[in-house]
Amino acid sequence: MRPNDRETVDARPPGENDEPSEPPRTAPSWRTIEPPREGELLVVVGPTASGKTDLAIRLAERFGGEIINADSVQIYRSYDVGSGKPTAEERARVPHHLVDIADPLVPLDAQTFAELGERTIEDVKRRGHVPIVCGGTYLWIKSLVYGLAPAPPADPAIRARHAAIAEAEGRAALHAMLAAVDPESAARLAPNDLVRVSRALEIHELSGKPQSQWFAEHGFREKRHDARLVGVAWPRETLDERIRARIRRWIDAGWLDEVRALLDAGHAAARPMGSVGYKQVRAHLEGELPREELEDTIVRATRVFARRQRTWLRDEPVLYVTLDA
């Protein structure tokens, strides 16, 4: 695996010109997936709305497994409708772990997830069951498989100062600050990517060493698990249709009411409130986005996210399968 996803020292979103991988137009049935070998970790990956949960449940039922969530929104309590969490019926079919366990107002990073995931894997194995990791937050999956570079922990004061600079001078100003001390990271990160730009600056301020150097020294050489990646194959146009259909279901299921209640409860600054979909619903509720534009805006943002997920998987040995009956 290579670096990818949302946060911490080694988050590196793909560039705008990167071409995402496209699953094969013809793929074998999910039934052809063999049980994991001794010491092998089965990991279900793929873009949002591709059916990761469906595949993971089928594999868990077939192999005597339990599912370990690797989605950085599903792990938080109260973010239910728009996160794609497994339903009560799905959780009744197969045990699910690391869902609804974290306080949304207390950010949970990749390192913490890796520690929780490692303990959960061992617990599942002790029960004589097969651990199956499932999710689309690839930095978290990578942190579980390889571990993260031992960079300095987050500093709330530094992050608040960076946010104030971005608010007063624009995000490009913060990106320019990063370019002055870590040009390699600056070239990798978009100027508008406030979270990752701030994190890269934070690491340099705390350690005196560029984020790119932390990553180069770590190199993700310390593999902890022999991971086998599997995912569901969909033509891109079909995945786009699935994305729109799911967003409509979520809106019809009360997504706007959920976000309104979360904002009323003080969740405006919660990390999951900034995730794809929740961010757009919040903008609508705060008068920044007309209701008639909401669905299309979420669809566009979700398609961009799905494209990035495909790009992150471009060089990975993913076995893509179909979900036949």
C-alpha atoms as a PDB file:
ATOM      1  CA  MET A   1       0.000   0.000   0.000  1.00  0.00           C
ATOM      2  CA  ARG A   2       1.029   3.563  -0.504  1.00  0.00           C
ATOM      3  CA  PRO A   3       0.161   6.688   1.428  1.00  0.00           C
ATOM      4  CA  ASN A   4      -3.358   7.923   1.110  1.00  0.00           C
ATOM      5  CA  ASP A   5      -6.374   9.538   2.721  1.00  0.00           C
ATOM      6  CA  ARG A   6      -7.295  12.152   5.176  1.00  0.00           C
ATOM      7  CA  GLU A   7      -4.953  13.069   7.989  1.00  0.00           C
ATOM      8  CA  THR A   8      -1.731  12.884  10.002  1.00  0.00           C
ATOM      9  CA  VAL A   9       1.861  12.901   8.903  1.00  0.00           C
ATOM     10  CA  ASP A  10       1.624  10.941   5.689  1.00  0.00           C
ATOM     11  CA  ALA A  11      -1.703  11.914   4.206  1.00  0.00           C
ATOM     12  CA  ARG A  12      -1.140  12.587   0.532  1.00  0.00           C
ATOM     13  CA  PRO A  13      -4.208  13.067  -1.631  1.00  0.00           C
ATOM     14  CA  PRO A  14      -3.675  12.251  -5.291  1.00  0.00           C
ATOM     15  CA  GLY A  15      -3.007  15.054  -7.686  1.00  0.00           C
ATOM     16  CA  GLU A  16      -5.724  16.420  -9.880  1.00  0.00           C
ATOM     17  CA  ASN A  17      -4.103  14.904 -12.977  1.00  0.00           C
ATOM     18  CA  ASP A  18      -3.770  11.399 -11.578  1.00  0.00           C
ATOM     19  CA  GLU A  19      -5.855   8.877 -13.479  1.00  0.00           C
ATOM     20  CA  PRO A  20      -7.840   6.606 -11.179  1.00  0.00           C
ATOM     21  CA  SER A  21      -7.896   2.882 -11.694  1.00  0.00           C
ATOM     22  CA  GLU A  22     -10.953   1.381 -13.289  1.00  0.00           C
ATOM     23  CA  PRO A  23     -12.183  -2.019 -12.062  1.00  0.00           C
ATOM     24  CA  PRO A  24     -12.351  -4.640 -14.822  1.00  0.00           C
ATOM     25  CA  ARG A  25     -15.519  -4.736 -16.900  1.00  0.00           C
ATOM     26  CA  THR A  26     -15.668  -8.475 -16.313  1.00  0.00           C
ATOM     27  CA  ALA A  27     -14.850  -9.818 -12.880  1.00  0.00           C
ATOM     28  CA  PRO A  28     -15.258 -13.137 -11.088  1.00  0.00           C
ATOM     29  CA  SER A  29     -18.022 -13.841  -8.611  1.00  0.00           C
ATOM     30  CA  TRP A  30     -17.439 -12.962  -4.967  1.00  0.00           C
ATOM     31  CA  ARG A  31     -17.869 -16.689  -4.317  1.00  0.00           C
ATOM     32  CA  THR A  32     -14.431 -17.292  -5.843  1.00  0.00           C
ATOM     33  CA  ILE A  33     -12.738 -15.487  -2.954  1.00  0.00           C
ATOM     34  CA  GLU A  34     -10.833 -18.029  -0.910  1.00  0.00           C
ATOM     35  CA  PRO A  35     -10.629 -17.999   2.901  1.00  0.00           C
ATOM     36  CA  PRO A  36      -7.652 -16.049   4.248  1.00  0.00           C
ATOM     37  CA  ARG A  37      -4.560 -18.065   4.885  1.00  0.00           C
ATOM     38  CA  GLU A  38      -2.954 -18.265   8.307  1.00  0.00           C
ATOM     39  CA  GLY A  39      -1.647 -14.799   9.137  1.00  0.00           C
ATOM     40  CA  GLU A  40      -3.427 -13.147   6.209  1.00  0.00           C
ATOM     41  CA  LEU A  41      -5.782 -10.217   6.797  1.00  0.00           C
ATOM     42  CA  LEU A  42      -8.784  -9.856   4.508  1.00  0.00           C
ATOM     43  CA  VAL A  43      -9.537  -6.186   3.712  1.00  0.00           C
ATOM     44  CA  VAL A  44     -12.586  -5.014   1.763  1.00  0.00           C
ATOM     45  CA  VAL A  45     -11.851  -1.752  -0.066  1.00  0.00           C
ATOM     46  CA  GLY A  46     -13.272   0.332  -2.882  1.00  0.00           C
ATOM     47  CA  PRO A  47     -14.920   3.664  -3.593  1.00  0.00           C
ATOM     48  CA  THR A  48     -17.910   4.932  -1.707  1.00  0.00           C
ATOM     49  CA  ALA A  49     -21.267   3.346  -2.663  1.00  0.00           C
ATOM     50  CA  SER A  50     -19.563   0.337  -4.253  1.00  0.00           C
ATOM     51  CA  GLY A  51     -21.046  -2.195  -1.815  1.00  0.00           C
ATOM     52  CA  LYS A  52     -18.168  -2.782   0.588  1.00  0.00           C
ATOM     53  CA  THR A  53     -20.456  -3.589   3.519  1.00  0.00           C
ATOM     54  CA  ASP A  54     -22.496  -6.018   1.430  1.00  0.00           C
ATOM     55  CA  LEU A  55     -19.374  -7.883   0.337  1.00  0.00           C
ATOM     56  CA  ALA A  56     -17.871  -7.894   3.832  1.00  0.00           C
ATOM     57  CA  ILE A  57     -21.062  -9.359   5.325  1.00  0.00           C
ATOM     58  CA  ARG A  58     -21.207 -12.095   2.698  1.00  0.00           C
ATOM     59  CA  LEU A  59     -17.581 -13.012   3.346  1.00  0.00           C
ATOM     60  CA  ALA A  60     -18.049 -12.929   7.119  1.00  0.00           C
ATOM     61  CA  GLU A  61     -21.057 -15.238   6.906  1.00  0.00           C
ATOM     62  CA  ARG A  62     -19.180 -17.579   4.615  1.00  0.00           C
ATOM     63  CA  PHE A  63     -15.889 -17.701   6.530  1.00  0.00           C
ATOM     64  CA  GLY A  64     -17.119 -17.286  10.105  1.00  0.00           C
ATOM     65  CA  GLY A  65     -15.869 -13.725  10.315  1.00  0.00           C
ATOM     66  CA  GLU A  66     -16.413 -10.489  12.180  1.00  0.00           C
ATOM     67  CA  ILE A  67     -16.182  -7.082  10.527  1.00  0.00           C
ATOM     68  CA  ILE A  68     -13.834  -4.321  11.702  1.00  0.00           C
ATOM     69  CA  ASN A  69     -14.840  -0.877  10.482  1.00  0.00           C
ATOM     70  CA  ALA A  70     -12.210   1.310   8.806  1.00  0.00           C
ATOM     71  CA  ASP A  71     -14.377   4.313   7.960  1.00  0.00           C
ATOM     72  CA  SER A  72     -13.520   7.586   9.677  1.00  0.00           C
ATOM     73  CA  VAL A  73     -17.140   8.775   9.902  1.00  0.00           C
ATOM     74  CA  GLN A  74     -18.892   5.526  10.827  1.00  0.00           C
ATOM     75  CA  ILE A  75     -16.695   5.249  13.896  1.00  0.00           C
ATOM     76  CA  TYR A  76     -18.425   8.289  15.472  1.00  0.00           C
ATOM     77  CA  ARG A  77     -21.712   8.175  17.320  1.00  0.00           C
ATOM     78  CA  SER A  78     -24.729  10.138  16.031  1.00  0.00           C
ATOM     79  CA  TYR A  79     -23.520  10.435  12.420  1.00  0.00           C
ATOM     80  CA  ASP A  80     -25.863   7.776  11.140  1.00  0.00           C
ATOM     81  CA  VAL A  81     -27.920   8.615   8.061  1.00  0.00           C
ATOM     82  CA  GLY A  82     -25.193  10.057   5.846  1.00  0.00           C
ATOM     83  CA  SER A  83     -22.289   7.804   6.780  1.00  0.00           C
ATOM     84  CA  GLY A  84     -23.416   4.510   5.271  1.00  0.00           C
ATOM     85  CA  LYS A  85     -23.267   2.723   8.605  1.00  0.00           C
ATOM     86  CA  PRO A  86     -24.394  -0.912   8.594  1.00  0.00           C
ATOM     87  CA  THR A  87     -28.060  -1.175   9.486  1.00  0.00           C
ATOM     88  CA  ALA A  88     -29.383  -2.881  12.603  1.00  0.00           C
ATOM     89  CA  GLU A  89     -30.346  -5.832  10.436  1.00  0.00           C
ATOM     90  CA  GLU A  90     -26.846  -6.066   8.974  1.00  0.00           C
ATOM     91  CA  ARG A  91     -25.253  -5.861  12.428  1.00  0.00           C
ATOM     92  CA  ALA A  92     -27.554  -8.645  13.579  1.00  0.00           C
ATOM     93  CA  ARG A  93     -26.290 -10.888  10.783  1.00  0.00           C
ATOM     94  CA  VAL A  94     -22.576 -10.379  11.550  1.00  0.00           C
ATOM     95  CA  PRO A  95     -20.718  -8.766  14.483  1.00  0.00           C
ATOM     96  CA  HIS A  96     -19.392  -5.296  13.595  1.00  0.00           C
ATOM     97  CA  HIS A  97     -16.620  -3.552  15.526  1.00  0.00           C
ATOM     98  CA  LEU A  98     -15.426   0.072  15.751  1.00  0.00           C
ATOM     99  CA  VAL A  99     -18.803   1.489  14.712  1.00  0.00           C
ATOM    100  CA  ASP A 100     -20.474   4.087  16.960  1.00  0.00           C
ATOM    101  CA  ILE A 101     -17.671   4.018  19.512  1.00  0.00           C
ATOM    102  CA  ALA A 102     -16.229   7.545  19.472  1.00  0.00           C
ATOM    103  CA  ASP A 103     -17.406  10.941  20.673  1.00  0.00           C
ATOM    104  CA  PRO A 104     -17.675  13.141  17.551  1.00  0.00           C
ATOM    105  CA  LEU A 105     -16.325  16.123  19.472  1.00  0.00           C
ATOM    106  CA  VAL A 106     -13.092  14.275  20.277  1.00  0.00           C
ATOM    107  CA  PRO A 107     -11.167  13.745  17.000  1.00  0.00           C
ATOM    108  CA  LEU A 108      -9.829  10.251  16.464  1.00  0.00           C
ATOM    109  CA  ASP A 109      -6.680   9.941  14.361  1.00  0.00           C
ATOM    110  CA  ALA A 110      -5.177   7.162  12.293  1.00  0.00           C
ATOM    111  CA  GLN A 111      -2.743   6.092  14.998  1.00  0.00           C
ATOM    112  CA  THR A 112      -5.539   5.646  17.512  1.00  0.00           C
ATOM    113  CA  PHE A 113      -7.543   3.692  14.968  1.00  0.00           C
ATOM    114  CA  ALA A 114      -4.567   1.421  14.274  1.00  0.00           C
ATOM    115  CA  GLU A 115      -4.236   0.647  17.977  1.00  0.00           C
ATOM    116  CA  LEU A 116      -7.965  -0.053  18.307  1.00  0.00           C
ATOM    117  CA  GLY A 117      -7.936  -2.123  15.135  1.00  0.00           C
ATOM    118  CA  GLU A 118      -4.966  -4.193  16.268  1.00  0.00           C
ATOM    119  CA  ARG A 119      -6.632  -5.045  19.572  1.00  0.00           C
ATOM    120  CA  THR A 120      -9.888  -5.881  17.811  1.00  0.00           C
ATOM    121  CA  ILE A 121      -8.164  -8.181  15.329  1.00  0.00           C
ATOM    122  CA  GLU A 122      -6.567 -10.097  18.187  1.00  0.00           C
ATOM    123  CA  ASP A 123      -9.893 -10.318  20.046  1.00  0.00           C
ATOM    124  CA  VAL A 124     -11.635 -11.712  16.972  1.00  0.00           C
ATOM    125  CA  LYS A 125      -8.890 -14.267  16.456  1.00  0.00           C
ATOM    126  CA  ARG A 126      -9.056 -15.349  20.103  1.00  0.00           C
ATOM    127  CA  ARG A 127     -12.721 -16.174  19.566  1.00  0.00           C
ATOM    128  CA  GLY A 128     -11.716 -18.416  16.688  1.00  0.00           C
ATOM    129  CA  HIS A 129     -13.257 -16.129  14.073  1.00  0.00           C
ATOM    130  CA  VAL A 130     -11.894 -14.430  10.952  1.00  0.00           C
ATOM    131  CA  PRO A 131     -11.268 -10.653  11.172  1.00  0.00           C
ATOM    132  CA  ILE A 132     -12.399  -8.774   8.054  1.00  0.00           C
ATOM    133  CA  VAL A 133     -11.476  -5.105   7.786  1.00  0.00           C
ATOM    134  CA  CYS A 134     -13.920  -3.023   5.759  1.00  0.00           C
ATOM    135  CA  GLY A 135     -13.816   0.662   4.883  1.00  0.00           C
ATOM    136  CA  GLY A 136     -12.839   3.463   2.550  1.00  0.00           C
ATOM    137  CA  THR A 137     -10.485   5.471   4.773  1.00  0.00           C
ATOM    138  CA  TYR A 138      -7.249   4.228   3.291  1.00  0.00           C
ATOM    139  CA  LEU A 139      -4.885   6.075   5.585  1.00  0.00           C
ATOM    140  CA  TRP A 140      -6.505   4.162   8.423  1.00  0.00           C
ATOM    141  CA  ILE A 141      -6.169   0.864   6.576  1.00  0.00           C
ATOM    142  CA  LYS A 142      -2.555   1.661   5.772  1.00  0.00           C
ATOM    143  CA  SER A 143      -1.853   2.593   9.368  1.00  0.00           C
ATOM    144  CA  LEU A 144      -3.225  -0.771  10.456  1.00  0.00           C
ATOM    145  CA  VAL A 145      -1.213  -2.734   7.904  1.00  0.00           C
ATOM    146  CA  TYR A 146       2.051  -0.777   8.086  1.00  0.00           C
ATOM    147  CA  GLY A 147       1.878   1.597  11.013  1.00  0.00           C
ATOM    148  CA  LEU A 148       2.535   5.339  10.830  1.00  0.00           C
ATOM    149  CA  ALA A 149       5.656   7.413  11.036  1.00  0.00           C
ATOM    150  CA  PRO A 150       6.223   8.457  14.679  1.00  0.00           C
ATOM    151  CA  ALA A 151       5.544  12.139  14.057  1.00  0.00           C
ATOM    152  CA  PRO A 152       4.671  14.591  16.844  1.00  0.00           C
ATOM    153  CA  PRO A 153       1.095  14.478  18.137  1.00  0.00           C
ATOM    154  CA  ALA A 154      -1.429  17.168  17.261  1.00  0.00           C
ATOM    155  CA  ASP A 155      -1.160  20.551  18.960  1.00  0.00           C
ATOM    156  CA  PRO A 156      -4.550  22.319  19.255  1.00  0.00           C
ATOM    157  CA  ALA A 157      -2.946  25.728  19.741  1.00  0.00           C
ATOM    158  CA  ILE A 158      -0.921  25.468  16.535  1.00  0.00           C
ATOM    159  CA  ARG A 159      -3.938  24.272  14.593  1.00  0.00           C
ATOM    160  CA  ALA A 160      -6.035  27.147  15.901  1.00  0.00           C
ATOM    161  CA  ARG A 161      -3.340  29.612  14.837  1.00  0.00           C
ATOM    162  CA  HIS A 162      -3.201  28.080  11.356  1.00  0.00           C
ATOM    163  CA  ALA A 163      -6.981  28.267  11.063  1.00  0.00           C
ATOM    164  CA  ALA A 164      -6.877  31.935  12.019  1.00  0.00           C
ATOM    165  CA  ILE A 165      -4.250  32.635   9.344  1.00  0.00           C
ATOM    166  CA  ALA A 166      -6.312  30.842   6.719  1.00  0.00           C
ATOM    167  CA  GLU A 167      -9.398  32.783   7.758  1.00  0.00           C
ATOM    168  CA  ALA A 168      -7.643  36.152   7.690  1.00  0.00           C
ATOM    169  CA  GLU A 169      -5.275  35.742   4.737  1.00  0.00           C
ATOM    170  CA  GLY A 170      -6.681  32.824   2.777  1.00  0.00           C
ATOM    171  CA  ARG A 171      -5.623  29.196   2.562  1.00  0.00           C
ATOM    172  CA  ALA A 172      -3.063  29.997  -0.106  1.00  0.00           C
ATOM    173  CA  ALA A 173      -1.116  31.989   2.480  1.00  0.00           C
ATOM    174  CA  LEU A 174      -0.826  28.960   4.718  1.00  0.00           C
ATOM    175  CA  HIS A 175       0.245  26.858   1.733  1.00  0.00           C
ATOM    176  CA  ALA A 176       2.957  29.406   0.948  1.00  0.00           C
ATOM    177  CA  MET A 177       4.232  29.068   4.508  1.00  0.00           C
ATOM    178  CA  LEU A 178       4.509  25.328   3.979  1.00  0.00           C
ATOM    179  CA  ALA A 179       6.298  25.766   0.656  1.00  0.00           C
ATOM    180  CA  ALA A 180       8.956  27.828   2.422  1.00  0.00           C
ATOM    181  CA  VAL A 181       9.863  25.046   4.879  1.00  0.00           C
ATOM    182  CA  ASP A 182       8.767  21.847   3.116  1.00  0.00           C
ATOM    183  CA  PRO A 183       8.502  22.329  -0.659  1.00  0.00           C
ATOM    184  CA  GLU A 184       8.065  18.611  -1.288  1.00  0.00           C
ATOM    185  CA  SER A 185       4.960  18.402   0.881  1.00  0.00           C
ATOM    186  CA  ALA A 186       3.679  21.692  -0.535  1.00  0.00           C
ATOM    187  CA  ALA A 187       3.955  20.318  -4.065  1.00  0.00           C
ATOM    188  CA  ARG A 188       1.950  17.279  -3.002  1.00  0.00           C
ATOM    189  CA  LEU A 189      -0.854  19.136  -1.239  1.00  0.00           C
ATOM    190  CA  ALA A 190      -3.484  21.355  -2.786  1.00  0.00           C
ATOM    191  CA  PRO A 191      -3.471  24.957  -1.470  1.00  0.00           C
ATOM    192  CA  ASN A 192      -7.116  24.568  -0.456  1.00  0.00           C
ATOM    193  CA  ASP A 193      -6.425  21.441   1.631  1.00  0.00           C
ATOM    194  CA  LEU A 194      -6.388  23.219   4.972  1.00  0.00           C
ATOM    195  CA  VAL A 195      -6.285  20.133   7.206  1.00  0.00           C
ATOM    196  CA  ARG A 196      -3.295  18.486   5.558  1.00  0.00           C
ATOM    197  CA  VAL A 197      -1.382  21.712   4.952  1.00  0.00           C
ATOM    198  CA  SER A 198      -1.846  22.639   8.594  1.00  0.00           C
ATOM    199  CA  ARG A 199      -0.701  19.192   9.702  1.00  0.00           C
ATOM    200  CA  ALA A 200       2.456  19.390   7.576  1.00  0.00           C
ATOM    201  CA  LEU A 201       3.288  22.813   9.035  1.00  0.00           C
ATOM    202  CA  GLU A 202       2.489  21.582  12.522  1.00  0.00           C
ATOM    203  CA  ILE A 203       4.943  18.702  12.196  1.00  0.00           C
ATOM    204  CA  HIS A 204       7.698  21.069  11.068  1.00  0.00           C
ATOM    205  CA  GLU A 205       6.980  23.549  13.854  1.00  0.00           C
ATOM    206  CA  LEU A 206       7.015  20.867  16.538  1.00  0.00           C
ATOM    207  CA  SER A 207       9.982  18.848  15.324  1.00  0.00           C
ATOM    208  CA  GLY A 208      12.026  21.121  13.103  1.00  0.00           C
ATOM    209  CA  LYS A 209      11.880  18.383  10.477  1.00  0.00           C
ATOM    210  CA  PRO A 210       9.746  18.483   7.311  1.00  0.00           C
ATOM    211  CA  GLN A 211       6.795  16.144   7.006  1.00  0.00           C
ATOM    212  CA  SER A 212       8.309  14.771   3.801  1.00  0.00           C
ATOM    213  CA  GLN A 213      11.428  13.759   5.715  1.00  0.00           C
ATOM    214  CA  TRP A 214       9.363  11.965   8.354  1.00  0.00           C
ATOM    215  CA  PHE A 215       7.694   9.994   5.614  1.00  0.00           C
ATOM    216  CA  ALA A 216      10.920   9.270   3.728  1.00  0.00           C
ATOM    217  CA  GLU A 217      12.569   7.908   6.865  1.00  0.00           C
ATOM    218  CA  HIS A 218       9.597   5.730   7.726  1.00  0.00           C
ATOM    219  CA  GLY A 219       8.866   4.461   4.223  1.00  0.00           C
ATOM    220  CA  PHE A 220       6.124   2.078   5.406  1.00  0.00           C
ATOM    221  CA  ARG A 221       8.614  -0.761   5.515  1.00  0.00           C
ATOM    222  CA  GLU A 222       7.390  -2.290   8.761  1.00  0.00           C
ATOM    223  CA  LYS A 223       4.556  -4.415   7.481  1.00  0.00           C
ATOM    224  CA  ARG A 224       2.383  -5.688  10.314  1.00  0.00           C
ATOM    225  CA  HIS A 225      -0.163  -7.683   8.336  1.00  0.00           C
ATOM    226  CA  ASP A 226      -0.207  -9.642   5.113  1.00  0.00           C
ATOM    227  CA  ALA A 227      -3.255  -7.869   3.701  1.00  0.00           C
ATOM    228  CA  ARG A 228      -5.361  -9.249   0.846  1.00  0.00           C
ATOM    229  CA  LEU A 229      -7.494  -6.531  -0.726  1.00  0.00           C
ATOM    230  CA  VAL A 230     -10.844  -7.280  -2.335  1.00  0.00           C
ATOM    231  CA  GLY A 231     -13.519  -4.971  -3.719  1.00  0.00           C
ATOM    232  CA  VAL A 232     -16.667  -4.823  -5.819  1.00  0.00           C
ATOM    233  CA  ALA A 233     -16.352  -4.087  -9.538  1.00  0.00           C
ATOM    234  CA  TRP A 234     -18.688  -1.524 -11.086  1.00  0.00           C
ATOM    235  CA  PRO A 235     -18.406   0.407 -14.337  1.00  0.00           C
ATOM    236  CA  ARG A 236     -17.915   4.063 -13.509  1.00  0.00           C
ATOM    237  CA  GLU A 237     -21.300   5.090 -14.880  1.00  0.00           C
ATOM    238  CA  THR A 238     -23.021   2.456 -12.733  1.00  0.00           C
ATOM    239  CA  LEU A 239     -21.170   3.636  -9.639  1.00  0.00           C
ATOM    240  CA  ASP A 240     -22.283   7.202 -10.393  1.00  0.00           C
ATOM    241  CA  GLU A 241     -25.894   5.998 -10.527  1.00  0.00           C
ATOM    242  CA  ARG A 242     -25.453   4.167  -7.218  1.00  0.00           C
ATOM    243  CA  ILE A 243     -24.033   7.318  -5.624  1.00  0.00           C
ATOM    244  CA  ARG A 244     -27.015   9.431  -6.661  1.00  0.00           C
ATOM    245  CA  ALA A 245     -29.547   6.785  -5.622  1.00  0.00           C
ATOM    246  CA  ARG A 246     -27.967   6.448  -2.194  1.00  0.00           C
ATOM    247  CA  ILE A 247     -27.872  10.192  -1.600  1.00  0.00           C
ATOM    248  CA  ARG A 248     -31.566  10.416  -2.473  1.00  0.00           C
ATOM    249  CA  ARG A 249     -32.342   7.620  -0.012  1.00  0.00           C
ATOM    250  CA  TRP A 250     -30.415   9.360   2.728  1.00  0.00           C
ATOM    251  CA  ILE A 251     -32.136  12.690   2.126  1.00  0.00           C
ATOM    252  CA  ASP A 252     -35.521  10.947   2.151  1.00  0.00           C
ATOM    253  CA  ALA A 253     -34.520   9.137   5.356  1.00  0.00           C
ATOM    254  CA  GLY A 254     -34.071  12.379   7.310  1.00  0.00           C
ATOM    255  CA  TRP A 255     -30.448  13.350   6.706  1.00  0.00           C
ATOM    256  CA  LEU A 256     -31.221  17.066   6.923  1.00  0.00           C
ATOM    257  CA  ASP A 257     -32.993  16.604  10.254  1.00  0.00           C
ATOM    258  CA  GLU A 258     -30.021  14.636  11.576  1.00  0.00           C
ATOM    259  CA  VAL A 259     -27.545  17.361  10.633  1.00  0.00           C
ATOM    260  CA  ARG A 260     -29.823  20.073  12.038  1.00  0.00           C
ATOM    261  CA  ALA A 261     -29.944  18.226  15.365  1.00  0.00           C
ATOM    262  CA  LEU A 262     -26.163  17.765  15.379  1.00  0.00           C
ATOM    263  CA  LEU A 263     -25.580  21.465  14.747  1.00  0.00           C
ATOM    264  CA  ASP A 264     -28.036  22.348  17.513  1.00  0.00           C
ATOM    265  CA  ALA A 265     -26.025  20.047  19.796  1.00  0.00           C
ATOM    266  CA  GLY A 266     -22.814  21.973  19.114  1.00  0.00           C
ATOM    267  CA  HIS A 267     -21.241  19.810  16.419  1.00  0.00           C
ATOM    268  CA  ALA A 268     -20.310  22.593  13.989  1.00  0.00           C
ATOM    269  CA  ALA A 269     -16.588  22.023  14.610  1.00  0.00           C
ATOM    270  CA  ALA A 270     -16.793  18.216  14.871  1.00  0.00           C
ATOM    271  CA  ARG A 271     -14.484  16.426  12.463  1.00  0.00           C
ATOM    272  CA  PRO A 272     -17.182  14.250  10.849  1.00  0.00           C
ATOM    273  CA  MET A 273     -19.262  17.365  10.138  1.00  0.00           C
ATOM    274  CA  GLY A 274     -16.597  18.289   7.585  1.00  0.00           C
ATOM    275  CA  SER A 275     -16.911  15.011   5.691  1.00  0.00           C
ATOM    276  CA  VAL A 276     -18.396  14.702   2.212  1.00  0.00           C
ATOM    277  CA  GLY A 277     -22.158  15.099   2.344  1.00  0.00           C
ATOM    278  CA  TYR A 278     -22.397  16.379   5.896  1.00  0.00           C
ATOM    279  CA  LYS A 279     -20.457  19.464   4.849  1.00  0.00           C
ATOM    280  CA  GLN A 280     -22.898  20.206   2.029  1.00  0.00           C
ATOM    281  CA  VAL A 281     -26.010  19.569   4.143  1.00  0.00           C
ATOM    282  CA  ARG A 282     -24.640  21.931   6.772  1.00  0.00           C
ATOM    283  CA  ALA A 283     -24.039  24.584   4.104  1.00  0.00           C
ATOM    284  CA  HIS A 284     -27.662  24.269   3.037  1.00  0.00           C
ATOM    285  CA  LEU A 285     -28.977  24.532   6.591  1.00  0.00           C
ATOM    286  CA  GLU A 286     -26.866  27.617   7.186  1.00  0.00           C
ATOM    287  CA  GLY A 287     -28.280  29.318   4.105  1.00  0.00           C
ATOM    288  CA  GLU A 288     -25.216  28.935   1.889  1.00  0.00           C
ATOM    289  CA  LEU A 289     -26.672  26.387  -0.530  1.00  0.00           C
ATOM    290  CA  PRO A 290     -30.201  26.374  -2.003  1.00  0.00           C
ATOM    291  CA  ARG A 291     -32.278  23.248  -1.393  1.00  0.00           C
ATOM    292  CA  GLU A 292     -32.753  22.660  -5.116  1.00  0.00           C
ATOM    293  CA  GLU A 293     -28.959  22.470  -5.568  1.00  0.00           C
ATOM    294  CA  LEU A 294     -28.242  20.256  -2.575  1.00  0.00           C
ATOM    295  CA  GLU A 295     -28.541  16.811  -4.160  1.00  0.00           C
ATOM    296  CA  ASP A 296     -26.445  17.665  -7.211  1.00  0.00           C
ATOM    297  CA  THR A 297     -23.805  19.350  -5.059  1.00  0.00           C
ATOM    298  CA  ILE A 298     -23.459  16.291  -2.819  1.00  0.00           C
ATOM    299  CA  VAL A 299     -23.354  14.006  -5.862  1.00  0.00           C
ATOM    300  CA  ARG A 300     -20.530  16.019  -7.416  1.00  0.00           C
ATOM    301  CA  ALA A 301     -18.514  16.074  -4.188  1.00  0.00           C
ATOM    302  CA  THR A 302     -19.056  12.349  -3.690  1.00  0.00           C
ATOM    303  CA  ARG A 303     -17.960  11.559  -7.238  1.00  0.00           C
ATOM    304  CA  VAL A 304     -14.757  13.516  -6.679  1.00  0.00           C
ATOM    305  CA  PHE A 305     -14.169  11.561  -3.470  1.00  0.00           C
ATOM    306  CA  ALA A 306     -14.844   8.255  -5.251  1.00  0.00           C
ATOM    307  CA  ARG A 307     -12.382   9.237  -7.964  1.00  0.00           C
ATOM    308  CA  ARG A 308      -9.724   9.890  -5.337  1.00  0.00           C
ATOM    309  CA  GLN A 309     -10.443   6.547  -3.715  1.00  0.00           C
ATOM    310  CA  ARG A 310      -9.994   4.796  -7.066  1.00  0.00           C
ATOM    311  CA  THR A 311      -6.744   6.676  -7.591  1.00  0.00           C
ATOM    312  CA  TRP A 312      -5.463   5.611  -4.178  1.00  0.00           C
ATOM    313  CA  LEU A 313      -6.112   1.996  -5.167  1.00  0.00           C
ATOM    314  CA  ARG A 314      -4.618   2.367  -8.627  1.00  0.00           C
ATOM    315  CA  ASP A 315      -1.387   0.524  -7.871  1.00  0.00           C
ATOM    316  CA  GLU A 316      -2.777  -1.884  -5.286  1.00  0.00           C
ATOM    317  CA  PRO A 317      -3.358  -5.588  -6.022  1.00  0.00           C
ATOM    318  CA  VAL A 318      -7.122  -5.472  -5.464  1.00  0.00           C
ATOM    319  CA  LEU A 319      -9.175  -8.489  -6.476  1.00  0.00           C
ATOM    320  CA  TYR A 320     -12.395  -7.041  -7.876  1.00  0.00           C
ATOM    321  CA  VAL A 321     -15.470  -9.262  -7.858  1.00  0.00           C
ATOM    322  CA  THR A 322     -19.163  -9.084  -8.685  1.00  0.00           C
ATOM    323  CA  LEU A 323     -22.003  -9.392  -6.178  1.00  0.00           C
ATOM    324  CA  ASP A 324     -24.085 -12.026  -7.899  1.00  0.00           C
ATOM    325  CA  ALA A 325     -27.013 -13.468  -5.951  1.00  0.00           C
END
